[in-house]
Amino acid sequence: MLIRPRRNRRHPALRRLVRETQLSPDDLVLPLFVQEGEGLASAIASLPGHARLSIDRLVEKAGEAVALGVPGVALFPVIDPAEKDPRGSAAAKPDGLLQRSVRALKAAHPELLVITDVALDPYSSDGHDGVLIGERIDNDETLPILAAMAVSQAEAGADVVAPSDMMDGRVLAIREALDAAGFTEVAIGSYCTKYASAFYGPFREALDSAPRSGDKKTYQMDPANAREALRELSLDESEGADWVMVKPGLVYADIIRLVRDHTALPVAAYHVSGEYAMLRAAAERGWLDYDRCLLESLLSLKRAGADVIFTYGALDAARLLRG
């Protein structure tokens, strides 16, 4: 008798019936960049299809996500250099750009999940995720600033605060601050295993958030390490994270699987700017089919174990998946 696995592949309907992994718009989160002004959409050269949006245009773009069934957006503010300082003081302003953006989104699209980034780099004149003292990022000096930032975002209406800074103890500091301020229902989506990756370039261009000196290797994870991810996972779980993220996504699919196999929490993966930009650049040169490769890339993240996928291709993927 010859075993023939191909029998299960011979017909489109049969392939659908036995498909192990399903990708849908429900799995996706759209990252968006917001800037001051009105009626503005400033194109980002290294992120084709994306722009720095004024709040009114942000609300419009979020409306597209709602219409396509994408459940959430993740916000990243483009801060005026004049507002930046070494301690990121503008991060917790009640009338700050991010806070006004959250209020506008929740007013226009109450059903949309709004996820906010907790890290100092967009606000810091040094471009680091924590407070730079001398040549060292001071972990403990940073924690109360991150906690105040998260509370301010929750006051504006954020549904999920997402610390991406990789300071030790920040999940606990944020959870305690949120609870003390009465925001016990606001979730923490922790960037649990965030690597010091070379794939973040377009994102940093979009926010002008690259470090002014040094790099982020003393707080973001070494790309060579896998077991260390389990240590970060254990800490964030114990400190009260509601879900955990692996960033980047595609080139760390092994880490997504490792984390998935060691937690009951929802696992997110970030299909980062460099991973997305490579698809767009290759497609523009005619080297690959963008639509098919985007869906295959996102499916691979889901197959690796991601429940949630942050991707700049969220709207494109949702359109394709809805047919």
Protein backbone atom coordinates (compact mmCIF):
# COMPACT_ATOMS: atom_id res chain seq x y z
CA MET A 1 0.00 0.00 0.00
CA LEU A 2 1.34 3.42 -0.94
CA ILE A 3 0.53 6.22 1.52
CA ARG A 4 -0.51 9.31 -0.44
CA PRO A 5 -0.71 12.57 1.59
CA ARG A 6 -1.57 14.31 -1.70
CA ARG A 7 -5.11 12.91 -1.48
CA ASN A 8 -5.86 15.62 1.08
CA ARG A 9 -4.59 18.33 -1.28
CA ARG A 10 -6.34 17.43 -4.53
CA HIS A 11 -9.36 19.76 -4.20
CA PRO A 12 -9.70 23.36 -2.91
CA ALA A 13 -12.63 22.45 -0.65
CA LEU A 14 -10.73 19.48 0.77
CA ARG A 15 -7.70 21.65 1.45
CA ARG A 16 -9.92 24.11 3.33
CA LEU A 17 -11.45 21.34 5.42
CA VAL A 18 -8.13 19.95 6.61
CA ARG A 19 -6.30 23.27 6.97
CA GLU A 20 -4.54 23.38 10.35
CA THR A 21 -4.07 27.15 10.69
CA GLN A 22 -6.65 29.82 9.91
CA LEU A 23 -5.80 33.50 9.42
CA SER A 24 -8.51 36.14 9.65
CA PRO A 25 -8.83 39.92 10.11
CA ASP A 26 -9.68 39.15 13.74
CA ASP A 27 -5.99 38.31 14.31
CA LEU A 28 -4.63 41.67 13.19
CA VAL A 29 -3.60 45.00 14.72
CA LEU A 30 -2.72 48.01 12.56
CA PRO A 31 0.18 50.22 13.76
CA LEU A 32 -0.43 53.93 13.04
CA PHE A 33 1.77 57.02 13.32
CA VAL A 34 0.18 60.27 14.47
CA GLN A 35 1.51 63.82 14.12
CA GLU A 36 0.33 67.33 14.97
CA GLY A 37 -1.62 69.35 12.43
CA GLU A 38 -4.79 69.00 10.43
CA GLY A 39 -5.47 67.29 7.14
CA LEU A 40 -1.94 65.90 7.02
CA ALA A 41 -0.63 62.59 5.69
CA SER A 42 3.16 62.78 5.43
CA ALA A 43 4.43 59.77 3.49
CA ILE A 44 7.12 57.58 5.07
CA ALA A 45 9.58 56.70 2.32
CA SER A 46 10.73 53.42 3.86
CA LEU A 47 7.18 52.28 4.71
CA PRO A 48 5.23 52.38 1.43
CA GLY A 49 1.52 52.78 2.02
CA HIS A 50 2.02 54.41 5.41
CA ALA A 51 2.19 58.02 6.55
CA ARG A 52 2.43 60.21 9.61
CA LEU A 53 -1.21 61.21 10.06
CA SER A 54 -2.79 64.19 11.75
CA ILE A 55 -5.51 63.24 14.21
CA ASP A 56 -8.37 63.82 11.76
CA ARG A 57 -6.69 61.61 9.15
CA LEU A 58 -5.85 59.06 11.86
CA VAL A 59 -9.55 58.76 12.68
CA GLU A 60 -10.29 58.21 8.98
CA LYS A 61 -7.66 55.49 8.65
CA ALA A 62 -8.93 53.78 11.80
CA GLY A 63 -12.37 53.82 10.24
CA GLU A 64 -10.97 51.76 7.35
CA ALA A 65 -9.71 49.22 9.87
CA VAL A 66 -13.12 49.03 11.54
CA ALA A 67 -14.87 48.56 8.19
CA LEU A 68 -12.50 45.71 7.28
CA GLY A 69 -12.95 43.92 10.60
CA VAL A 70 -9.51 44.69 12.05
CA PRO A 71 -10.13 44.80 15.81
CA GLY A 72 -7.40 47.20 16.95
CA VAL A 73 -4.82 49.85 16.21
CA ALA A 74 -1.49 50.54 17.93
CA LEU A 75 -0.54 54.22 18.19
CA PHE A 76 2.90 55.77 17.90
CA PRO A 77 3.27 59.56 18.24
CA VAL A 78 5.65 61.75 16.23
CA ILE A 79 6.78 64.30 18.80
CA ASP A 80 8.04 67.78 17.96
CA PRO A 81 11.78 67.90 18.75
CA ALA A 82 11.16 71.06 20.78
CA GLU A 83 9.06 69.00 23.22
CA LYS A 84 11.71 66.34 23.75
CA ASP A 85 13.97 66.26 26.80
CA PRO A 86 16.19 63.67 28.57
CA ARG A 87 13.32 62.47 30.79
CA GLY A 88 10.59 62.39 28.16
CA SER A 89 8.51 64.83 30.17
CA ALA A 90 5.89 65.24 27.44
CA ALA A 91 4.93 61.55 27.67
CA ALA A 92 2.38 61.99 30.48
CA LYS A 93 0.83 65.32 29.46
CA PRO A 94 -2.99 65.05 29.65
CA ASP A 95 -3.26 67.12 26.47
CA GLY A 96 -0.35 65.43 24.70
CA LEU A 97 -0.56 64.30 21.10
CA LEU A 98 -1.06 60.65 21.96
CA GLN A 99 -3.68 61.38 24.60
CA ARG A 100 -5.70 63.57 22.22
CA SER A 101 -5.41 60.89 19.57
CA VAL A 102 -6.81 58.23 21.89
CA ARG A 103 -9.76 60.42 22.85
CA ALA A 104 -10.55 61.16 19.20
CA LEU A 105 -10.39 57.49 18.25
CA LYS A 106 -12.58 56.32 21.11
CA ALA A 107 -15.13 59.05 20.36
CA ALA A 108 -15.30 58.16 16.65
CA HIS A 109 -14.88 54.39 16.90
CA PRO A 110 -15.87 53.19 20.38
CA GLU A 111 -15.76 49.56 19.23
CA LEU A 112 -12.10 49.82 18.18
CA LEU A 113 -9.40 48.50 20.51
CA VAL A 114 -6.82 51.25 21.08
CA ILE A 115 -3.33 50.08 22.09
CA THR A 116 -0.75 52.61 23.25
CA ASP A 117 3.02 52.32 23.36
CA VAL A 118 4.81 52.82 26.69
CA ALA A 119 8.45 53.78 26.15
CA LEU A 120 10.41 57.01 26.27
CA ASP A 121 12.10 56.92 22.86
CA PRO A 122 9.53 59.05 20.96
CA TYR A 123 9.74 61.70 23.72
CA SER A 124 13.41 61.49 24.68
CA SER A 125 15.98 63.90 23.31
CA ASP A 126 18.42 60.98 23.65
CA GLY A 127 16.27 58.57 21.59
CA HIS A 128 16.42 55.84 24.21
CA ASP A 129 13.59 53.87 25.81
CA GLY A 130 14.80 54.81 29.28
CA VAL A 131 16.51 57.68 31.05
CA LEU A 132 20.11 58.11 29.99
CA ILE A 133 22.43 59.09 32.83
CA GLY A 134 25.99 59.47 31.65
CA GLU A 135 26.42 56.58 29.25
CA ARG A 136 24.03 54.23 31.07
CA ILE A 137 20.29 53.69 30.83
CA ASP A 138 19.03 53.98 34.42
CA ASN A 139 16.43 51.25 34.79
CA ASP A 140 14.96 52.25 38.15
CA GLU A 141 14.90 55.96 37.36
CA THR A 142 12.79 55.12 34.31
CA LEU A 143 10.10 53.01 36.00
CA PRO A 144 8.02 55.78 37.62
CA ILE A 145 8.08 57.74 34.36
CA LEU A 146 6.73 54.74 32.46
CA ALA A 147 4.08 54.19 35.13
CA ALA A 148 2.91 57.81 34.92
CA MET A 149 2.87 57.55 31.13
CA ALA A 150 0.66 54.45 31.25
CA VAL A 151 -1.79 56.07 33.68
CA SER A 152 -2.05 59.12 31.44
CA GLN A 153 -2.82 56.89 28.46
CA ALA A 154 -5.45 55.01 30.47
CA GLU A 155 -7.05 58.31 31.52
CA ALA A 156 -7.32 59.21 27.83
CA GLY A 157 -9.18 55.96 27.16
CA ALA A 158 -6.54 53.44 26.07
CA ASP A 159 -7.76 49.85 26.25
CA VAL A 160 -4.30 48.25 26.33
CA VAL A 161 -1.01 49.84 27.37
CA ALA A 162 1.94 48.14 25.74
CA PRO A 163 5.34 48.65 27.40
CA SER A 164 8.00 48.20 24.73
CA ASP A 165 10.93 49.64 26.70
CA MET A 166 12.42 46.42 28.11
CA MET A 167 13.20 47.91 31.51
CA ASP A 168 13.27 45.30 34.28
CA GLY A 169 10.23 45.50 36.57
CA ARG A 170 8.21 47.83 34.37
CA VAL A 171 5.15 45.55 34.11
CA LEU A 172 4.77 45.48 37.90
CA ALA A 173 5.33 49.24 38.21
CA ILE A 174 2.70 49.92 35.54
CA ARG A 175 0.19 47.42 36.97
CA GLU A 176 0.47 48.91 40.46
CA ALA A 177 0.10 52.45 39.13
CA LEU A 178 -2.90 51.58 36.97
CA ASP A 179 -4.65 49.79 39.82
CA ALA A 180 -3.94 52.62 42.27
CA ALA A 181 -5.46 55.08 39.80
CA GLY A 182 -8.59 52.94 39.40
CA PHE A 183 -7.77 51.48 35.99
CA THR A 184 -8.01 47.85 36.97
CA GLU A 185 -9.66 46.95 33.64
CA VAL A 186 -6.91 48.39 31.45
CA ALA A 187 -4.78 45.55 30.13
CA ILE A 188 -1.00 45.36 29.83
CA GLY A 189 0.25 43.93 26.56
CA SER A 190 3.91 43.46 27.32
CA TYR A 191 6.63 43.51 24.68
CA CYS A 192 8.02 40.57 26.58
CA THR A 193 10.82 39.41 24.27
CA LYS A 194 11.97 42.38 22.22
CA TYR A 195 15.27 41.84 20.47
CA ALA A 196 17.98 44.37 19.57
CA SER A 197 17.15 43.85 15.92
CA ALA A 198 18.37 45.45 12.71
CA PHE A 199 14.82 45.24 11.29
CA TYR A 200 13.46 48.36 13.04
CA GLY A 201 14.97 50.94 10.67
CA PRO A 202 11.82 52.20 8.89
CA PHE A 203 9.97 52.53 12.22
CA ARG A 204 12.73 54.68 13.67
CA GLU A 205 12.69 56.85 10.57
CA ALA A 206 8.93 57.30 10.95
CA LEU A 207 9.24 58.49 14.56
CA ASP A 208 12.73 60.03 14.42
CA SER A 209 13.42 57.87 17.47
CA ALA A 210 16.84 56.37 16.75
CA PRO A 211 19.32 56.67 19.65
CA ARG A 212 21.40 59.85 19.43
CA SER A 213 24.33 57.93 20.90
CA GLY A 214 25.12 54.28 21.56
CA ASP A 215 22.55 51.56 20.91
CA LYS A 216 19.83 49.62 22.71
CA LYS A 217 21.76 46.41 23.30
CA THR A 218 21.98 46.85 27.08
CA TYR A 219 18.22 46.53 27.45
CA GLN A 220 16.84 44.85 24.32
CA MET A 221 17.60 41.14 23.98
CA ASP A 222 20.58 39.61 22.20
CA PRO A 223 19.39 38.04 18.90
CA ALA A 224 21.57 35.01 19.70
CA ASN A 225 19.54 34.08 22.79
CA ALA A 226 16.44 31.91 22.97
CA ARG A 227 16.37 30.51 26.52
CA GLU A 228 16.55 34.05 27.88
CA ALA A 229 13.10 34.63 26.40
CA LEU A 230 11.66 32.21 28.95
CA ARG A 231 13.17 34.23 31.78
CA GLU A 232 11.58 37.42 30.43
CA LEU A 233 8.29 35.56 30.00
CA SER A 234 8.32 34.29 33.58
CA LEU A 235 8.97 37.75 34.97
CA ASP A 236 6.27 39.48 32.94
CA GLU A 237 3.71 36.80 33.82
CA SER A 238 4.51 37.12 37.51
CA GLU A 239 4.26 40.92 37.35
CA GLY A 240 0.77 40.90 35.84
CA ALA A 241 1.06 41.03 32.05
CA ASP A 242 -2.23 40.21 30.30
CA TRP A 243 -0.58 39.18 27.05
CA VAL A 244 2.98 38.96 25.83
CA MET A 245 4.67 39.88 22.58
CA VAL A 246 7.61 38.63 20.55
CA LYS A 247 9.31 41.29 18.41
CA PRO A 248 10.38 40.99 15.58
CA GLY A 249 8.11 38.31 14.19
CA LEU A 250 9.20 36.47 11.05
CA VAL A 251 12.88 36.06 11.86
CA TYR A 252 11.99 35.03 15.44
CA ALA A 253 9.31 32.44 14.66
CA ASP A 254 11.23 29.95 16.80
CA ILE A 255 10.86 32.32 19.77
CA ILE A 256 7.12 32.69 19.13
CA ARG A 257 6.78 28.91 19.31
CA LEU A 258 8.96 28.72 22.41
CA VAL A 259 6.89 31.36 24.21
CA ARG A 260 3.60 29.81 23.02
CA ASP A 261 4.63 26.45 24.45
CA HIS A 262 5.42 27.96 27.86
CA THR A 263 2.49 30.25 28.59
CA ALA A 264 -1.30 30.21 28.76
CA LEU A 265 -1.41 33.96 28.05
CA PRO A 266 -2.27 35.28 24.59
CA VAL A 267 0.88 35.69 22.48
CA ALA A 268 1.35 38.56 20.05
CA ALA A 269 3.92 38.85 17.29
CA TYR A 270 5.06 42.07 15.64
CA HIS A 271 5.61 41.84 11.87
CA VAL A 272 8.01 44.75 12.10
CA SER A 273 8.70 47.63 9.75
CA GLY A 274 11.77 46.08 8.12
CA GLU A 275 10.00 42.78 7.49
CA TYR A 276 7.06 44.59 5.88
CA ALA A 277 9.26 47.01 3.91
CA MET A 278 11.23 44.14 2.37
CA LEU A 279 8.03 42.69 0.93
CA ARG A 280 6.98 46.03 -0.52
CA ALA A 281 10.41 46.78 -1.98
CA ALA A 282 10.75 43.37 -3.61
CA ALA A 283 7.21 43.60 -5.00
CA GLU A 284 7.90 47.03 -6.48
CA ARG A 285 10.81 45.49 -8.38
CA GLY A 286 8.64 42.66 -9.63
CA TRP A 287 10.54 40.02 -7.68
CA LEU A 288 7.56 38.64 -5.76
CA ASP A 289 3.80 38.84 -5.43
CA TYR A 290 3.11 41.19 -2.51
CA ASP A 291 -0.40 39.96 -1.75
CA ARG A 292 0.50 36.27 -1.66
CA CYS A 293 3.75 36.81 0.24
CA LEU A 294 2.07 39.06 2.81
CA LEU A 295 -0.59 36.46 3.59
CA GLU A 296 2.01 33.69 3.71
CA SER A 297 4.15 35.73 6.08
CA LEU A 298 1.25 36.42 8.43
CA LEU A 299 0.08 32.81 8.25
CA SER A 300 3.56 31.69 9.27
CA LEU A 301 3.36 33.89 12.37
CA LYS A 302 -0.03 32.42 13.25
CA ARG A 303 1.28 28.90 12.64
CA ALA A 304 4.24 29.57 14.92
CA GLY A 305 1.80 30.30 17.74
CA ALA A 306 0.82 33.98 17.58
CA ASP A 307 -2.75 34.82 18.61
CA VAL A 308 -2.35 38.50 17.70
CA ILE A 309 -0.30 39.95 14.82
CA PHE A 310 0.78 43.57 14.61
CA THR A 311 1.44 44.32 10.95
CA TYR A 312 1.69 47.33 8.65
CA GLY A 313 -0.06 45.15 6.11
CA ALA A 314 -3.19 44.74 8.27
CA LEU A 315 -5.53 46.58 5.92
CA ASP A 316 -4.14 44.87 2.82
CA ALA A 317 -4.40 41.46 4.47
CA ALA A 318 -7.93 42.10 5.74
CA ARG A 319 -9.09 43.06 2.24
CA LEU A 320 -7.54 39.91 0.79
CA LEU A 321 -8.97 37.66 3.50
CA ARG A 322 -12.45 39.09 3.12
CA GLY A 323 -12.29 38.49 -0.63
